[in-house]
PDB file of N, CA and C in Angstrom:
ATOM      1  N   MET A   1      17.216 -30.723   8.293  1.00  0.00           N
ATOM      2  CA  MET A   1      16.015 -30.697   7.415  1.00  0.00           C
ATOM      3  C   MET A   1      15.062 -30.088   8.226  1.00  0.00           C
ATOM      4  N   THR A   2      14.228 -29.246   7.475  1.00  0.00           N
ATOM      5  CA  THR A   2      13.006 -28.574   8.234  1.00  0.00           C
ATOM      6  C   THR A   2      11.938 -29.443   8.119  1.00  0.00           C
ATOM      7  N   THR A   3      11.324 -29.443   9.311  1.00  0.00           N
ATOM      8  CA  THR A   3      10.011 -30.308   9.451  1.00  0.00           C
ATOM      9  C   THR A   3       8.665 -29.426   8.955  1.00  0.00           C
ATOM     10  N   GLU A   4       7.916 -29.831   8.106  1.00  0.00           N
ATOM     11  CA  GLU A   4       6.742 -29.309   7.674  1.00  0.00           C
ATOM     12  C   GLU A   4       5.799 -29.168   8.752  1.00  0.00           C
ATOM     13  N   PRO A   5       5.016 -28.124   8.796  1.00  0.00           N
ATOM     14  CA  PRO A   5       3.913 -28.024   9.811  1.00  0.00           C
ATOM     15  C   PRO A   5       2.748 -28.899   9.511  1.00  0.00           C
ATOM     16  N   VAL A   6       2.052 -29.453  10.334  1.00  0.00           N
ATOM     17  CA  VAL A   6       0.822 -30.415  10.110  1.00  0.00           C
ATOM     18  C   VAL A   6      -0.382 -29.705  10.526  1.00  0.00           C
ATOM     19  N   ILE A   7      -1.188 -29.591   9.863  1.00  0.00           N
ATOM     20  CA  ILE A   7      -2.541 -28.946  10.012  1.00  0.00           C
ATOM     21  C   ILE A   7      -3.589 -30.053  10.277  1.00  0.00           C
ATOM     22  N   ILE A   8      -4.117 -29.971  11.315  1.00  0.00           N
ATOM     23  CA  ILE A   8      -5.194 -30.954  11.681  1.00  0.00           C
ATOM     24  C   ILE A   8      -6.624 -30.263  11.664  1.00  0.00           C
ATOM     25  N   PRO A   9      -7.239 -30.438  10.456  1.00  0.00           N
ATOM     26  CA  PRO A   9      -8.556 -29.653  10.257  1.00  0.00           C
ATOM     27  C   PRO A   9      -9.641 -30.348  10.972  1.00  0.00           C
ATOM     28  N   PRO A  10     -10.767 -29.833  11.198  1.00  0.00           N
ATOM     29  CA  PRO A  10     -11.991 -30.408  11.847  1.00  0.00           C
ATOM     30  C   PRO A  10     -12.444 -31.738  10.928  1.00  0.00           C
ATOM     31  N   ALA A  11     -13.050 -32.576  11.475  1.00  0.00           N
ATOM     32  CA  ALA A  11     -13.518 -33.681  10.845  1.00  0.00           C
ATOM     33  C   ALA A  11     -14.103 -33.501   9.573  1.00  0.00           C
ATOM     34  N   ASN A  12     -14.965 -32.504   9.603  1.00  0.00           N
ATOM     35  CA  ASN A  12     -15.942 -32.319   8.348  1.00  0.00           C
ATOM     36  C   ASN A  12     -15.174 -31.492   7.258  1.00  0.00           C
ATOM     37  N   PHE A  13     -13.905 -31.093   7.489  1.00  0.00           N
ATOM     38  CA  PHE A  13     -13.249 -30.434   6.499  1.00  0.00           C
ATOM     39  C   PHE A  13     -12.771 -31.285   5.401  1.00  0.00           C
ATOM     40  N   THR A  14     -12.946 -30.784   4.100  1.00  0.00           N
ATOM     41  CA  THR A  14     -12.213 -31.766   2.926  1.00  0.00           C
ATOM     42  C   THR A  14     -10.857 -31.003   2.606  1.00  0.00           C
ATOM     43  N   ASP A  15     -10.133 -31.524   1.844  1.00  0.00           N
ATOM     44  CA  ASP A  15      -8.867 -30.964   1.370  1.00  0.00           C
ATOM     45  C   ASP A  15      -9.283 -29.577   0.711  1.00  0.00           C
ATOM     46  N   GLU A  16     -10.211 -29.483  -0.152  1.00  0.00           N
ATOM     47  CA  GLU A  16     -10.502 -28.221  -0.679  1.00  0.00           C
ATOM     48  C   GLU A  16     -10.909 -27.247   0.302  1.00  0.00           C
ATOM     49  N   ASP A  17     -11.645 -27.577   1.357  1.00  0.00           N
ATOM     50  CA  ASP A  17     -11.878 -26.674   2.513  1.00  0.00           C
ATOM     51  C   ASP A  17     -10.558 -26.192   3.157  1.00  0.00           C
ATOM     52  N   VAL A  18      -9.660 -26.911   3.175  1.00  0.00           N
ATOM     53  CA  VAL A  18      -8.390 -26.663   3.791  1.00  0.00           C
ATOM     54  C   VAL A  18      -7.688 -25.783   2.893  1.00  0.00           C
ATOM     55  N   VAL A  19      -7.784 -25.881   1.635  1.00  0.00           N
ATOM     56  CA  VAL A  19      -6.930 -25.093   0.716  1.00  0.00           C
ATOM     57  C   VAL A  19      -7.720 -23.709   0.773  1.00  0.00           C
ATOM     58  N   ASP A  20      -9.060 -23.682   0.759  1.00  0.00           N
ATOM     59  CA  ASP A  20      -9.782 -22.458   0.807  1.00  0.00           C
ATOM     60  C   ASP A  20      -9.498 -21.631   2.054  1.00  0.00           C
ATOM     61  N   TRP A  21      -9.255 -22.195   3.066  1.00  0.00           N
ATOM     62  CA  TRP A  21      -8.839 -21.644   4.404  1.00  0.00           C
ATOM     63  C   TRP A  21      -7.558 -21.057   4.306  1.00  0.00           C
ATOM     64  N   MET A  22      -6.513 -21.923   3.752  1.00  0.00           N
ATOM     65  CA  MET A  22      -5.209 -21.305   3.560  1.00  0.00           C
ATOM     66  C   MET A  22      -5.227 -20.045   2.572  1.00  0.00           C
ATOM     67  N   GLU A  23      -5.922 -20.233   1.417  1.00  0.00           N
ATOM     68  CA  GLU A  23      -5.879 -18.959   0.512  1.00  0.00           C
ATOM     69  C   GLU A  23      -6.450 -17.796   1.204  1.00  0.00           C
ATOM     70  N   GLU A  24      -7.419 -17.915   2.047  1.00  0.00           N
ATOM     71  CA  GLU A  24      -8.068 -16.885   2.821  1.00  0.00           C
ATOM     72  C   GLU A  24      -7.159 -16.147   3.666  1.00  0.00           C
ATOM     73  N   LYS A  25      -6.264 -16.972   4.561  1.00  0.00           N
ATOM     74  CA  LYS A  25      -5.319 -16.672   5.376  1.00  0.00           C
ATOM     75  C   LYS A  25      -4.124 -15.855   4.542  1.00  0.00           C
ATOM     76  N   LEU A  26      -3.699 -16.432   3.508  1.00  0.00           N
ATOM     77  CA  LEU A  26      -2.658 -15.851   2.743  1.00  0.00           C
ATOM     78  C   LEU A  26      -3.192 -14.391   2.147  1.00  0.00           C
ATOM     79  N   SER A  27      -4.454 -14.472   1.759  1.00  0.00           N
ATOM     80  CA  SER A  27      -4.933 -13.113   1.214  1.00  0.00           C
ATOM     81  C   SER A  27      -5.036 -12.122   2.261  1.00  0.00           C
ATOM     82  N   SER A  28      -5.398 -12.519   3.496  1.00  0.00           N
ATOM     83  CA  SER A  28      -5.447 -11.603   4.666  1.00  0.00           C
ATOM     84  C   SER A  28      -4.160 -11.093   5.011  1.00  0.00           C
ATOM     85  N   ILE A  29      -3.134 -11.889   4.953  1.00  0.00           N
ATOM     86  CA  ILE A  29      -1.650 -11.528   5.344  1.00  0.00           C
ATOM     87  C   ILE A  29      -1.349 -10.470   4.385  1.00  0.00           C
ATOM     88  N   LYS A  30      -1.603 -10.752   3.105  1.00  0.00           N
ATOM     89  CA  LYS A  30      -1.256  -9.692   2.020  1.00  0.00           C
ATOM     90  C   LYS A  30      -2.061  -8.220   2.241  1.00  0.00           C
ATOM     91  N   VAL A  31      -3.284  -8.349   2.610  1.00  0.00           N
ATOM     92  CA  VAL A  31      -4.103  -7.162   2.865  1.00  0.00           C
ATOM     93  C   VAL A  31      -3.332  -6.431   3.995  1.00  0.00           C
ATOM     94  N   LEU A  32      -3.123  -7.133   5.052  1.00  0.00           N
ATOM     95  CA  LEU A  32      -2.545  -6.603   6.301  1.00  0.00           C
ATOM     96  C   LEU A  32      -1.200  -5.895   5.881  1.00  0.00           C
ATOM     97  N   GLY A  33      -0.451  -6.462   5.139  1.00  0.00           N
ATOM     98  CA  GLY A  33       0.892  -5.873   4.733  1.00  0.00           C
ATOM     99  C   GLY A  33       0.558  -4.626   4.033  1.00  0.00           C
ATOM    100  N   GLU A  34      -0.367  -4.638   3.085  1.00  0.00           N
ATOM    101  CA  GLU A  34      -0.719  -3.458   2.379  1.00  0.00           C
ATOM    102  C   GLU A  34      -1.281  -2.312   3.186  1.00  0.00           C
ATOM    103  N   LEU A  35      -2.106  -2.717   4.185  1.00  0.00           N
ATOM    104  CA  LEU A  35      -2.663  -1.588   5.219  1.00  0.00           C
ATOM    105  C   LEU A  35      -1.579  -1.118   6.051  1.00  0.00           C
ATOM    106  N   ASN A  36      -0.659  -2.002   6.577  1.00  0.00           N
ATOM    107  CA  ASN A  36       0.355  -1.414   7.332  1.00  0.00           C
ATOM    108  C   ASN A  36       1.258  -0.437   6.516  1.00  0.00           C
ATOM    109  N   ALA A  37       1.410  -0.648   5.304  1.00  0.00           N
ATOM    110  CA  ALA A  37       2.228   0.084   4.371  1.00  0.00           C
ATOM    111  C   ALA A  37       1.474   1.494   4.178  1.00  0.00           C
ATOM    112  N   ARG A  38       0.121   1.551   4.095  1.00  0.00           N
ATOM    113  CA  ARG A  38      -0.517   2.710   3.832  1.00  0.00           C
ATOM    114  C   ARG A  38      -0.435   3.424   5.142  1.00  0.00           C
ATOM    115  N   ARG A  39      -0.539   2.687   6.362  1.00  0.00           N
ATOM    116  CA  ARG A  39      -0.573   3.355   7.758  1.00  0.00           C
ATOM    117  C   ARG A  39       0.674   4.168   7.738  1.00  0.00           C
ATOM    118  N   GLU A  40       1.873   3.603   7.478  1.00  0.00           N
ATOM    119  CA  GLU A  40       3.240   4.073   7.618  1.00  0.00           C
ATOM    120  C   GLU A  40       3.237   5.383   6.674  1.00  0.00           C
ATOM    121  N   GLU A  41       2.669   5.339   5.600  1.00  0.00           N
ATOM    122  CA  GLU A  41       2.654   6.426   4.629  1.00  0.00           C
ATOM    123  C   GLU A  41       1.830   7.579   5.360  1.00  0.00           C
ATOM    124  N   LEU A  42       0.745   7.348   5.963  1.00  0.00           N
ATOM    125  CA  LEU A  42      -0.116   8.296   6.536  1.00  0.00           C
ATOM    126  C   LEU A  42       0.565   8.907   7.792  1.00  0.00           C
ATOM    127  N   VAL A  43       1.257   8.050   8.636  1.00  0.00           N
ATOM    128  CA  VAL A  43       1.881   8.597   9.765  1.00  0.00           C
ATOM    129  C   VAL A  43       3.008   9.504   9.455  1.00  0.00           C
ATOM    130  N   ASP A  44       3.648   9.255   8.225  1.00  0.00           N
ATOM    131  CA  ASP A  44       4.754  10.145   7.724  1.00  0.00           C
ATOM    132  C   ASP A  44       4.066  11.494   7.278  1.00  0.00           C
ATOM    133  N   LYS A  45       2.998  11.515   6.530  1.00  0.00           N
ATOM    134  CA  LYS A  45       2.267  12.804   6.185  1.00  0.00           C
ATOM    135  C   LYS A  45       1.824  13.370   7.300  1.00  0.00           C
ATOM    136  N   LEU A  46       1.267  12.751   8.355  1.00  0.00           N
ATOM    137  CA  LEU A  46       0.865  13.441   9.496  1.00  0.00           C
ATOM    138  C   LEU A  46       1.738  14.040  10.407  1.00  0.00           C
ATOM    139  N   ALA A  47       3.063  13.432  10.484  1.00  0.00           N
ATOM    140  CA  ALA A  47       4.147  14.135  11.143  1.00  0.00           C
ATOM    141  C   ALA A  47       4.449  15.448  10.412  1.00  0.00           C
ATOM    142  N   LYS A  48       4.569  15.461   8.944  1.00  0.00           N
ATOM    143  CA  LYS A  48       4.863  16.653   8.262  1.00  0.00           C
ATOM    144  C   LYS A  48       3.875  17.451   8.474  1.00  0.00           C
ATOM    145  N   LEU A  49       2.440  17.360   8.442  1.00  0.00           N
ATOM    146  CA  LEU A  49       1.484  18.146   8.688  1.00  0.00           C
ATOM    147  C   LEU A  49       1.516  18.798  10.047  1.00  0.00           C
ATOM    148  N   ASP A  50       2.010  18.027  11.077  1.00  0.00           N
ATOM    149  CA  ASP A  50       2.081  18.565  12.406  1.00  0.00           C
ATOM    150  C   ASP A  50       3.174  19.536  12.606  1.00  0.00           C
ATOM    151  N   ALA A  51       4.320  19.287  11.830  1.00  0.00           N
ATOM    152  CA  ALA A  51       5.403  20.261  11.629  1.00  0.00           C
ATOM    153  C   ALA A  51       4.973  21.623  11.038  1.00  0.00           C
ATOM    154  N   GLU A  52       4.220  21.457   9.943  1.00  0.00           N
ATOM    155  CA  GLU A  52       3.735  22.702   9.287  1.00  0.00           C
ATOM    156  C   GLU A  52       2.795  23.280  10.289  1.00  0.00           C
ATOM    157  N   ILE A  53       2.042  22.758  10.950  1.00  0.00           N
ATOM    158  CA  ILE A  53       1.001  23.463  11.820  1.00  0.00           C
ATOM    159  C   ILE A  53       1.809  24.207  12.857  1.00  0.00           C
ATOM    160  N   ASP A  54       2.842  23.590  13.415  1.00  0.00           N
ATOM    161  CA  ASP A  54       3.811  24.238  14.474  1.00  0.00           C
ATOM    162  C   ASP A  54       4.437  25.337  13.736  1.00  0.00           C
ATOM    163  N   LYS A  55       4.910  25.226  12.663  1.00  0.00           N
ATOM    164  CA  LYS A  55       5.701  26.472  12.053  1.00  0.00           C
ATOM    165  C   LYS A  55       4.590  27.644  11.842  1.00  0.00           C
ATOM    166  N   TYR A  56       3.403  27.316  11.491  1.00  0.00           N
ATOM    167  CA  TYR A  56       2.462  28.510  11.166  1.00  0.00           C
ATOM    168  C   TYR A  56       1.839  28.794  12.417  1.00  0.00           C
ATOM    169  N   THR A  57       1.706  28.188  13.485  1.00  0.00           N
ATOM    170  CA  THR A  57       1.331  28.523  14.686  1.00  0.00           C
ATOM    171  C   THR A  57       2.213  29.668  15.362  1.00  0.00           C
ATOM    172  N   LEU A  58       3.692  29.294  15.237  1.00  0.00           N
ATOM    173  CA  LEU A  58       4.619  30.149  15.742  1.00  0.00           C
ATOM    174  C   LEU A  58       4.681  31.478  14.776  1.00  0.00           C
ATOM    175  N   LYS A  59       4.464  31.293  13.635  1.00  0.00           N
ATOM    176  CA  LYS A  59       4.600  32.486  12.524  1.00  0.00           C
ATOM    177  C   LYS A  59       3.205  33.389  12.822  1.00  0.00           C
ATOM    178  N   SER A  60       2.219  32.936  13.165  1.00  0.00           N
ATOM    179  CA  SER A  60       0.908  33.661  13.435  1.00  0.00           C
ATOM    180  C   SER A  60       0.646  34.124  14.747  1.00  0.00           C
ATOM    181  N   ALA A  61       1.503  33.791  15.705  1.00  0.00           N
ATOM    182  CA  ALA A  61       1.329  34.266  17.221  1.00  0.00           C
ATOM    183  C   ALA A  61       1.544  35.802  17.282  1.00  0.00           C
ATOM    184  N   ILE A  62       0.677  36.288  18.206  1.00  0.00           N
ATOM    185  CA  ILE A  62       0.824  37.782  18.300  1.00  0.00           C
ATOM    186  C   ILE A  62       1.200  37.894  19.682  1.00  0.00           C
ATOM    187  N   GLN A  63       2.211  38.701  20.044  1.00  0.00           N
ATOM    188  CA  GLN A  63       2.556  39.180  21.332  1.00  0.00           C
ATOM    189  C   GLN A  63       2.202  40.560  21.670  1.00  0.00           C
ATOM    190  N   ILE A  64       1.387  40.638  22.878  1.00  0.00           N
ATOM    191  CA  ILE A  64       1.137  42.161  23.133  1.00  0.00           C
ATOM    192  C   ILE A  64       1.649  42.147  24.523  1.00  0.00           C
ATOM    193  N   GLN A  65       2.330  43.459  24.542  1.00  0.00           N
ATOM    194  CA  GLN A  65       3.001  43.866  25.814  1.00  0.00           C
ATOM    195  C   GLN A  65       2.404  45.120  26.442  1.00  0.00           C
ATOM    196  N   SER A  66       2.019  45.162  27.602  1.00  0.00           N
ATOM    197  CA  SER A  66       1.388  46.421  28.149  1.00  0.00           C
ATOM    198  C   SER A  66       2.418  47.191  28.778  1.00  0.00           C
ATOM    199  N   GLU A  67       2.066  48.472  28.849  1.00  0.00           N
ATOM    200  CA  GLU A  67       3.130  49.366  29.426  1.00  0.00           C
ATOM    201  C   GLU A  67       3.130  49.324  30.853  1.00  0.00           C
TER     202      GLU A  67
END
């Protein structure tokens, strides 16, 4: 059997305060997950952009040879 965690709030916290605190934590976890997913998408896009920049850097290079 799994033991449930015990939350020991400050003396001036009501049950409603604890619920509000927990809801805020859960909301923050959700937002953090969304932000990490967006970050992953941007990292992928940045890698593709870097590859394209490399491609066109090579294509645009001019080599000059003196005699």
